[in-house]
Amino acid sequence: MIRLALAFVLTVLLEWPVLAWLSGMGFRPTGLLCLCMNGATWGTAMGVLAWWSVPVPALEAVIILAEAGILAWFWRWRPPRALGISLAMNFTSWLLGTPLLFFLMPGS
């Protein structure tokens, strides 16, 4: 349980600066949206994985599209911009968050 909580916190802390920088809006307006968006997608993903045997890459692809949809809807961005930022956010959390999680909680 601690590992999942730490993974969620790391995801938000890694994706938030990417969203703030690429959107050009800074930290204040993007923080709450990043937290809520990740809370919604994480909660949904954990529920799906608890009930069904879904390949994680397929689930991650759906999360990227859902987050891009949220970004496009909330800030009225064009879909390519929202998709690019969503991809950048998720790649950042995968490429940096996974090794960081194993470093912070080895063997758990």
N, C-alpha and C. Protein backbone atom coordinates (compact mmCIF):
# COMPACT_ATOMS: atom_id res chain seq x y z
N MET A 1 0.82 -1.20 0.00
CA MET A 1 0.00 0.00 0.00
C MET A 1 0.87 1.26 0.00
N ILE A 2 1.94 1.24 0.79
CA ILE A 2 2.86 2.38 0.83
C ILE A 2 3.49 2.59 -0.54
N ARG A 3 3.82 1.49 -1.20
CA ARG A 3 4.45 1.58 -2.52
C ARG A 3 3.51 2.25 -3.53
N LEU A 4 2.23 1.90 -3.49
CA LEU A 4 1.26 2.52 -4.40
C LEU A 4 1.09 4.01 -4.10
N ALA A 5 1.04 4.34 -2.82
CA ALA A 5 0.90 5.76 -2.44
C ALA A 5 2.12 6.55 -2.89
N LEU A 6 3.31 5.99 -2.69
CA LEU A 6 4.53 6.67 -3.12
C LEU A 6 4.58 6.80 -4.64
N ALA A 7 4.14 5.77 -5.34
CA ALA A 7 4.11 5.83 -6.80
C ALA A 7 3.17 6.93 -7.29
N PHE A 8 2.03 7.07 -6.62
CA PHE A 8 1.10 8.14 -7.00
C PHE A 8 1.70 9.51 -6.75
N VAL A 9 2.29 9.70 -5.59
CA VAL A 9 2.90 10.99 -5.25
C VAL A 9 4.03 11.32 -6.23
N LEU A 10 4.87 10.34 -6.54
CA LEU A 10 5.95 10.56 -7.50
C LEU A 10 5.39 10.92 -8.88
N THR A 11 4.31 10.27 -9.28
CA THR A 11 3.70 10.57 -10.57
C THR A 11 3.27 12.03 -10.63
N VAL A 12 2.57 12.48 -9.61
CA VAL A 12 2.10 13.87 -9.59
C VAL A 12 3.28 14.83 -9.55
N LEU A 13 4.27 14.54 -8.70
CA LEU A 13 5.42 15.45 -8.57
C LEU A 13 6.28 15.50 -9.83
N LEU A 14 6.29 14.44 -10.62
CA LEU A 14 7.06 14.44 -11.87
C LEU A 14 6.27 15.02 -13.04
N GLU A 15 4.98 14.77 -13.07
CA GLU A 15 4.17 15.25 -14.19
C GLU A 15 3.79 16.72 -14.06
N TRP A 16 3.66 17.21 -12.85
CA TRP A 16 3.24 18.59 -12.64
C TRP A 16 4.20 19.60 -13.26
N PRO A 17 5.52 19.49 -13.03
CA PRO A 17 6.43 20.46 -13.67
C PRO A 17 6.39 20.38 -15.20
N VAL A 18 6.21 19.19 -15.73
CA VAL A 18 6.13 19.04 -17.19
C VAL A 18 4.89 19.78 -17.71
N LEU A 19 3.77 19.58 -17.05
CA LEU A 19 2.54 20.28 -17.45
C LEU A 19 2.70 21.79 -17.31
N ALA A 20 3.28 22.22 -16.19
CA ALA A 20 3.46 23.66 -15.96
C ALA A 20 4.36 24.29 -17.02
N TRP A 21 5.43 23.60 -17.36
CA TRP A 21 6.40 24.15 -18.32
C TRP A 21 5.85 24.13 -19.75
N LEU A 22 5.35 22.97 -20.18
CA LEU A 22 4.88 22.86 -21.56
C LEU A 22 3.61 23.66 -21.84
N SER A 23 2.80 23.86 -20.82
CA SER A 23 1.59 24.66 -21.02
C SER A 23 1.90 26.15 -21.01
N GLY A 24 3.03 26.52 -20.40
CA GLY A 24 3.39 27.93 -20.30
C GLY A 24 2.60 28.67 -19.24
N MET A 25 1.85 27.95 -18.41
CA MET A 25 1.00 28.60 -17.42
C MET A 25 1.60 28.64 -16.02
N GLY A 26 2.67 27.90 -15.79
CA GLY A 26 3.29 27.91 -14.48
C GLY A 26 2.65 26.91 -13.52
N PHE A 27 3.15 26.94 -12.29
CA PHE A 27 2.74 25.94 -11.30
C PHE A 27 1.35 26.17 -10.70
N ARG A 28 1.02 27.41 -10.41
CA ARG A 28 -0.22 27.67 -9.68
C ARG A 28 -1.47 27.16 -10.41
N PRO A 29 -1.70 27.53 -11.66
CA PRO A 29 -2.94 27.08 -12.30
C PRO A 29 -2.95 25.60 -12.70
N THR A 30 -1.79 24.98 -12.75
CA THR A 30 -1.75 23.59 -13.22
C THR A 30 -1.73 22.56 -12.09
N GLY A 31 -1.43 22.98 -10.88
CA GLY A 31 -1.26 22.04 -9.77
C GLY A 31 -2.49 21.24 -9.42
N LEU A 32 -3.59 21.92 -9.17
CA LEU A 32 -4.81 21.22 -8.77
C LEU A 32 -5.33 20.33 -9.89
N LEU A 33 -5.25 20.81 -11.12
CA LEU A 33 -5.70 19.98 -12.25
C LEU A 33 -4.85 18.73 -12.36
N CYS A 34 -3.54 18.86 -12.21
CA CYS A 34 -2.65 17.70 -12.31
C CYS A 34 -2.98 16.68 -11.21
N LEU A 35 -3.19 17.15 -10.00
CA LEU A 35 -3.53 16.26 -8.88
C LEU A 35 -4.87 15.56 -9.13
N CYS A 36 -5.88 16.30 -9.51
CA CYS A 36 -7.21 15.72 -9.74
C CYS A 36 -7.22 14.77 -10.94
N MET A 37 -6.54 15.17 -12.00
CA MET A 37 -6.49 14.35 -13.20
C MET A 37 -5.79 13.02 -12.91
N ASN A 38 -4.67 13.07 -12.21
CA ASN A 38 -3.97 11.83 -11.87
C ASN A 38 -4.76 11.01 -10.86
N GLY A 39 -5.44 11.66 -9.94
CA GLY A 39 -6.28 10.92 -9.00
C GLY A 39 -7.39 10.16 -9.71
N ALA A 40 -8.00 10.81 -10.69
CA ALA A 40 -9.08 10.16 -11.44
C ALA A 40 -8.55 9.00 -12.28
N THR A 41 -7.45 9.22 -13.00
CA THR A 41 -6.95 8.16 -13.87
C THR A 41 -6.32 7.02 -13.06
N TRP A 42 -5.63 7.36 -11.97
CA TRP A 42 -5.06 6.31 -11.12
C TRP A 42 -6.16 5.48 -10.46
N GLY A 43 -7.16 6.15 -9.92
CA GLY A 43 -8.25 5.43 -9.28
C GLY A 43 -8.97 4.50 -10.25
N THR A 44 -9.22 5.00 -11.43
CA THR A 44 -9.87 4.18 -12.45
C THR A 44 -8.99 3.01 -12.86
N ALA A 45 -7.71 3.28 -13.07
CA ALA A 45 -6.78 2.22 -13.47
C ALA A 45 -6.67 1.13 -12.40
N MET A 46 -6.59 1.53 -11.14
CA MET A 46 -6.49 0.53 -10.07
C MET A 46 -7.77 -0.30 -9.98
N GLY A 47 -8.91 0.33 -10.19
CA GLY A 47 -10.18 -0.40 -10.20
C GLY A 47 -10.26 -1.38 -11.35
N VAL A 48 -9.84 -0.95 -12.53
CA VAL A 48 -9.86 -1.83 -13.70
C VAL A 48 -8.93 -3.01 -13.48
N LEU A 49 -7.72 -2.75 -12.98
CA LEU A 49 -6.76 -3.84 -12.76
C LEU A 49 -7.21 -4.79 -11.65
N ALA A 50 -7.98 -4.29 -10.69
CA ALA A 50 -8.48 -5.16 -9.62
C ALA A 50 -9.56 -6.11 -10.13
N TRP A 51 -10.32 -5.70 -11.12
CA TRP A 51 -11.44 -6.50 -11.58
C TRP A 51 -11.16 -7.30 -12.85
N TRP A 52 -10.32 -6.78 -13.72
CA TRP A 52 -10.09 -7.43 -15.01
C TRP A 52 -8.61 -7.58 -15.29
N SER A 53 -8.29 -8.59 -16.08
CA SER A 53 -6.92 -8.81 -16.52
C SER A 53 -6.70 -8.03 -17.82
N VAL A 54 -6.24 -6.81 -17.66
CA VAL A 54 -6.02 -5.91 -18.80
C VAL A 54 -4.53 -5.69 -18.95
N PRO A 55 -3.99 -5.76 -20.16
CA PRO A 55 -2.57 -5.46 -20.34
C PRO A 55 -2.28 -4.01 -19.93
N VAL A 56 -1.25 -3.84 -19.12
CA VAL A 56 -0.91 -2.51 -18.61
C VAL A 56 -0.60 -1.52 -19.74
N PRO A 57 0.14 -1.91 -20.80
CA PRO A 57 0.36 -0.94 -21.88
C PRO A 57 -0.94 -0.43 -22.52
N ALA A 58 -1.92 -1.31 -22.66
CA ALA A 58 -3.21 -0.87 -23.22
C ALA A 58 -3.90 0.10 -22.27
N LEU A 59 -3.83 -0.20 -20.98
CA LEU A 59 -4.43 0.70 -19.98
C LEU A 59 -3.72 2.05 -19.97
N GLU A 60 -2.40 2.04 -20.09
CA GLU A 60 -1.64 3.29 -20.13
C GLU A 60 -1.99 4.11 -21.37
N ALA A 61 -2.21 3.44 -22.49
CA ALA A 61 -2.59 4.16 -23.71
C ALA A 61 -3.94 4.84 -23.52
N VAL A 62 -4.87 4.16 -22.87
CA VAL A 62 -6.17 4.76 -22.60
C VAL A 62 -6.03 5.94 -21.64
N ILE A 63 -5.15 5.82 -20.65
CA ILE A 63 -4.91 6.92 -19.71
C ILE A 63 -4.35 8.13 -20.44
N ILE A 64 -3.41 7.92 -21.35
CA ILE A 64 -2.83 9.03 -22.11
C ILE A 64 -3.92 9.74 -22.90
N LEU A 65 -4.78 8.97 -23.56
CA LEU A 65 -5.87 9.57 -24.34
C LEU A 65 -6.87 10.29 -23.44
N ALA A 66 -7.18 9.69 -22.29
CA ALA A 66 -8.13 10.32 -21.36
C ALA A 66 -7.56 11.63 -20.82
N GLU A 67 -6.28 11.61 -20.43
CA GLU A 67 -5.67 12.84 -19.92
C GLU A 67 -5.58 13.90 -21.01
N ALA A 68 -5.30 13.50 -22.23
CA ALA A 68 -5.28 14.46 -23.34
C ALA A 68 -6.67 15.05 -23.54
N GLY A 69 -7.69 14.23 -23.42
CA GLY A 69 -9.06 14.73 -23.53
C GLY A 69 -9.40 15.72 -22.43
N ILE A 70 -8.96 15.43 -21.21
CA ILE A 70 -9.21 16.35 -20.10
C ILE A 70 -8.49 17.67 -20.33
N LEU A 71 -7.23 17.60 -20.76
CA LEU A 71 -6.47 18.82 -21.02
C LEU A 71 -7.10 19.64 -22.15
N ALA A 72 -7.51 18.97 -23.21
CA ALA A 72 -8.13 19.67 -24.34
C ALA A 72 -9.46 20.31 -23.93
N TRP A 73 -10.22 19.62 -23.12
CA TRP A 73 -11.51 20.14 -22.68
C TRP A 73 -11.34 21.29 -21.68
N PHE A 74 -10.48 21.09 -20.68
CA PHE A 74 -10.36 22.06 -19.59
C PHE A 74 -9.77 23.38 -20.06
N TRP A 75 -8.73 23.32 -20.90
CA TRP A 75 -8.07 24.55 -21.33
C TRP A 75 -8.34 24.89 -22.79
N ARG A 76 -9.27 24.19 -23.40
CA ARG A 76 -9.64 24.46 -24.80
C ARG A 76 -8.45 24.39 -25.74
N TRP A 77 -7.59 23.40 -25.50
CA TRP A 77 -6.43 23.20 -26.36
C TRP A 77 -6.84 22.36 -27.55
N ARG A 78 -6.08 22.49 -28.62
CA ARG A 78 -6.27 21.61 -29.78
C ARG A 78 -5.80 20.20 -29.39
N PRO A 79 -6.43 19.16 -29.95
CA PRO A 79 -6.06 17.79 -29.59
C PRO A 79 -4.58 17.44 -29.76
N PRO A 80 -3.90 17.87 -30.83
CA PRO A 80 -2.48 17.51 -30.93
C PRO A 80 -1.63 18.08 -29.78
N ARG A 81 -1.92 19.30 -29.37
CA ARG A 81 -1.18 19.90 -28.25
C ARG A 81 -1.45 19.13 -26.96
N ALA A 82 -2.72 18.84 -26.70
CA ALA A 82 -3.09 18.12 -25.49
C ALA A 82 -2.47 16.72 -25.49
N LEU A 83 -2.48 16.04 -26.62
CA LEU A 83 -1.89 14.70 -26.71
C LEU A 83 -0.38 14.75 -26.51
N GLY A 84 0.28 15.72 -27.10
CA GLY A 84 1.73 15.86 -26.92
C GLY A 84 2.11 16.10 -25.47
N ILE A 85 1.37 16.96 -24.80
CA ILE A 85 1.68 17.24 -23.39
C ILE A 85 1.36 16.03 -22.53
N SER A 86 0.27 15.34 -22.81
CA SER A 86 -0.07 14.12 -22.06
C SER A 86 1.01 13.05 -22.25
N LEU A 87 1.48 12.88 -23.47
CA LEU A 87 2.57 11.92 -23.72
C LEU A 87 3.83 12.31 -22.96
N ALA A 88 4.18 13.59 -22.99
CA ALA A 88 5.38 14.05 -22.28
C ALA A 88 5.25 13.83 -20.78
N MET A 89 4.09 14.10 -20.23
CA MET A 89 3.87 13.89 -18.80
C MET A 89 4.03 12.42 -18.44
N ASN A 90 3.41 11.54 -19.21
CA ASN A 90 3.45 10.12 -18.89
C ASN A 90 4.82 9.51 -19.13
N PHE A 91 5.49 9.89 -20.21
CA PHE A 91 6.85 9.39 -20.43
C PHE A 91 7.79 9.83 -19.32
N THR A 92 7.62 11.05 -18.83
CA THR A 92 8.45 11.53 -17.73
C THR A 92 8.24 10.68 -16.49
N SER A 93 6.99 10.40 -16.15
CA SER A 93 6.74 9.61 -14.95
C SER A 93 7.19 8.16 -15.12
N TRP A 94 7.11 7.61 -16.33
CA TRP A 94 7.59 6.24 -16.54
C TRP A 94 9.10 6.17 -16.47
N LEU A 95 9.76 7.07 -17.20
CA LEU A 95 11.22 6.99 -17.33
C LEU A 95 11.96 7.44 -16.08
N LEU A 96 11.40 8.37 -15.33
CA LEU A 96 12.06 8.83 -14.10
C LEU A 96 11.43 8.22 -12.85
N GLY A 97 10.12 8.06 -12.86
CA GLY A 97 9.42 7.59 -11.67
C GLY A 97 9.69 6.14 -11.33
N THR A 98 9.76 5.29 -12.34
CA THR A 98 9.98 3.86 -12.08
C THR A 98 11.33 3.61 -11.42
N PRO A 99 12.45 4.13 -11.98
CA PRO A 99 13.73 3.91 -11.29
C PRO A 99 13.78 4.59 -9.92
N LEU A 100 13.16 5.75 -9.81
CA LEU A 100 13.17 6.46 -8.54
C LEU A 100 12.39 5.68 -7.49
N LEU A 101 11.29 5.07 -7.87
CA LEU A 101 10.51 4.26 -6.94
C LEU A 101 11.31 3.06 -6.47
N PHE A 102 12.01 2.39 -7.38
CA PHE A 102 12.83 1.24 -6.98
C PHE A 102 14.01 1.67 -6.12
N PHE A 103 14.52 2.87 -6.34
CA PHE A 103 15.61 3.39 -5.51
C PHE A 103 15.10 3.71 -4.10
N LEU A 104 13.92 4.31 -4.00
CA LEU A 104 13.38 4.71 -2.70
C LEU A 104 12.83 3.53 -1.91
N MET A 105 12.33 2.51 -2.60
CA MET A 105 11.77 1.34 -1.93
C MET A 105 12.30 0.06 -2.55
N PRO A 106 13.58 -0.23 -2.35
CA PRO A 106 14.15 -1.44 -2.97
C PRO A 106 13.56 -2.71 -2.35
N GLY A 107 13.29 -3.67 -3.21
CA GLY A 107 12.86 -4.98 -2.75
C GLY A 107 11.45 -5.06 -2.21
N SER A 108 10.66 -4.03 -2.36
CA SER A 108 9.29 -4.12 -1.83
C SER A 108 8.30 -4.34 -2.95
